[in-house]
Amino acid sequence: MRTKNRFIKSVLKTANETSVEMPWSRGSRRVSFSNRRPAQAA
């Protein structure tokens, strides 16, 4: 049981330290995509 707790703690620690950028997140990729779309008439 002790090994299992240590494993879970290490997994949670790694998950908190790791940052993954999702494709749908706002940022420079989104701006470049929106700039390529044709402008819509109001």
N, C-alpha and C. Protein backbone atom coordinates (compact mmCIF):
# COMPACT_ATOMS: atom_id res chain seq x y z
N MET A 1 0.82 -1.20 0.00
CA MET A 1 0.00 0.00 0.00
C MET A 1 0.87 1.26 0.00
N ARG A 2 2.01 1.20 0.67
CA ARG A 2 2.89 2.35 0.75
C ARG A 2 3.43 2.72 -0.63
N THR A 3 3.78 1.71 -1.43
CA THR A 3 4.30 1.96 -2.78
C THR A 3 3.23 2.60 -3.65
N LYS A 4 2.00 2.17 -3.48
CA LYS A 4 0.90 2.72 -4.27
C LYS A 4 0.70 4.21 -3.95
N ASN A 5 0.76 4.57 -2.69
CA ASN A 5 0.62 5.97 -2.31
C ASN A 5 1.76 6.81 -2.88
N ARG A 6 2.97 6.30 -2.83
CA ARG A 6 4.12 7.02 -3.37
C ARG A 6 3.97 7.20 -4.87
N PHE A 7 3.49 6.18 -5.55
CA PHE A 7 3.29 6.25 -7.00
C PHE A 7 2.24 7.31 -7.35
N ILE A 8 1.14 7.30 -6.63
CA ILE A 8 0.07 8.27 -6.90
C ILE A 8 0.57 9.69 -6.65
N LYS A 9 1.34 9.89 -5.58
CA LYS A 9 1.88 11.22 -5.29
C LYS A 9 2.83 11.68 -6.39
N SER A 10 3.65 10.76 -6.90
CA SER A 10 4.59 11.14 -7.96
C SER A 10 3.86 11.47 -9.26
N VAL A 11 2.80 10.75 -9.55
CA VAL A 11 2.00 11.03 -10.75
C VAL A 11 1.34 12.39 -10.64
N LEU A 12 0.76 12.69 -9.49
CA LEU A 12 0.11 13.99 -9.30
C LEU A 12 1.12 15.13 -9.35
N LYS A 13 2.30 14.92 -8.80
CA LYS A 13 3.34 15.95 -8.83
C LYS A 13 3.76 16.23 -10.27
N THR A 14 3.96 15.19 -11.05
CA THR A 14 4.35 15.36 -12.45
C THR A 14 3.24 16.04 -13.24
N ALA A 15 2.00 15.67 -12.98
CA ALA A 15 0.87 16.29 -13.69
C ALA A 15 0.77 17.77 -13.38
N ASN A 16 1.05 18.16 -12.15
CA ASN A 16 0.99 19.58 -11.79
C ASN A 16 2.14 20.37 -12.38
N GLU A 17 3.28 19.74 -12.58
CA GLU A 17 4.44 20.43 -13.13
C GLU A 17 4.40 20.52 -14.65
N THR A 18 3.66 19.65 -15.29
CA THR A 18 3.62 19.60 -16.75
C THR A 18 2.51 20.50 -17.27
N SER A 19 2.84 21.26 -18.29
CA SER A 19 1.86 22.13 -18.91
C SER A 19 1.73 21.76 -20.38
N VAL A 20 0.54 21.34 -20.78
CA VAL A 20 0.29 20.96 -22.16
C VAL A 20 -0.64 22.00 -22.77
N GLU A 21 -0.24 22.53 -23.91
CA GLU A 21 -1.08 23.52 -24.60
C GLU A 21 -2.05 22.79 -25.51
N MET A 22 -3.32 22.99 -25.28
CA MET A 22 -4.34 22.35 -26.09
C MET A 22 -4.51 23.13 -27.40
N PRO A 23 -4.87 22.44 -28.48
CA PRO A 23 -4.99 23.12 -29.78
C PRO A 23 -6.05 24.21 -29.81
N TRP A 24 -7.04 24.11 -28.96
CA TRP A 24 -8.11 25.09 -28.99
C TRP A 24 -7.86 26.27 -28.04
N SER A 25 -6.72 26.28 -27.40
CA SER A 25 -6.43 27.39 -26.48
C SER A 25 -6.19 28.67 -27.27
N ARG A 26 -6.52 29.77 -26.66
CA ARG A 26 -6.35 31.06 -27.33
C ARG A 26 -4.88 31.43 -27.33
N GLY A 27 -4.45 32.08 -28.36
CA GLY A 27 -3.06 32.48 -28.45
C GLY A 27 -2.68 32.84 -29.87
N SER A 28 -1.40 32.79 -30.14
CA SER A 28 -0.91 33.23 -31.46
C SER A 28 -1.45 32.35 -32.58
N ARG A 29 -1.63 31.06 -32.32
CA ARG A 29 -2.16 30.19 -33.38
C ARG A 29 -3.59 30.58 -33.73
N ARG A 30 -4.38 30.94 -32.73
CA ARG A 30 -5.75 31.36 -32.98
C ARG A 30 -5.80 32.67 -33.76
N VAL A 31 -4.93 33.60 -33.41
CA VAL A 31 -4.90 34.89 -34.11
C VAL A 31 -4.51 34.70 -35.57
N SER A 32 -3.51 33.86 -35.81
CA SER A 32 -3.10 33.66 -37.21
C SER A 32 -4.20 32.98 -38.00
N PHE A 33 -4.94 32.08 -37.37
CA PHE A 33 -6.06 31.43 -38.06
C PHE A 33 -7.15 32.44 -38.39
N SER A 34 -7.50 33.29 -37.43
CA SER A 34 -8.57 34.26 -37.66
C SER A 34 -8.15 35.31 -38.69
N ASN A 35 -6.85 35.59 -38.80
CA ASN A 35 -6.39 36.55 -39.81
C ASN A 35 -6.50 35.98 -41.22
N ARG A 36 -6.46 34.69 -41.37
CA ARG A 36 -6.55 34.07 -42.69
C ARG A 36 -7.99 33.98 -43.19
N ARG A 37 -8.98 34.09 -42.29
CA ARG A 37 -10.38 34.01 -42.72
C ARG A 37 -10.76 35.29 -43.47
N PRO A 38 -11.62 35.16 -44.45
CA PRO A 38 -12.08 36.37 -45.16
C PRO A 38 -12.96 37.22 -44.24
N ALA A 39 -12.87 38.53 -44.40
CA ALA A 39 -13.66 39.44 -43.57
C ALA A 39 -15.14 39.32 -43.94
N GLN A 40 -15.99 39.36 -42.93
CA GLN A 40 -17.43 39.27 -43.17
C GLN A 40 -18.03 40.67 -43.23
N ALA A 41 -18.95 40.88 -44.16
CA ALA A 41 -19.61 42.17 -44.28
C ALA A 41 -20.65 42.29 -43.16
N ALA A 42 -20.74 43.47 -42.59
CA ALA A 42 -21.67 43.71 -41.48
C ALA A 42 -23.10 43.82 -41.95
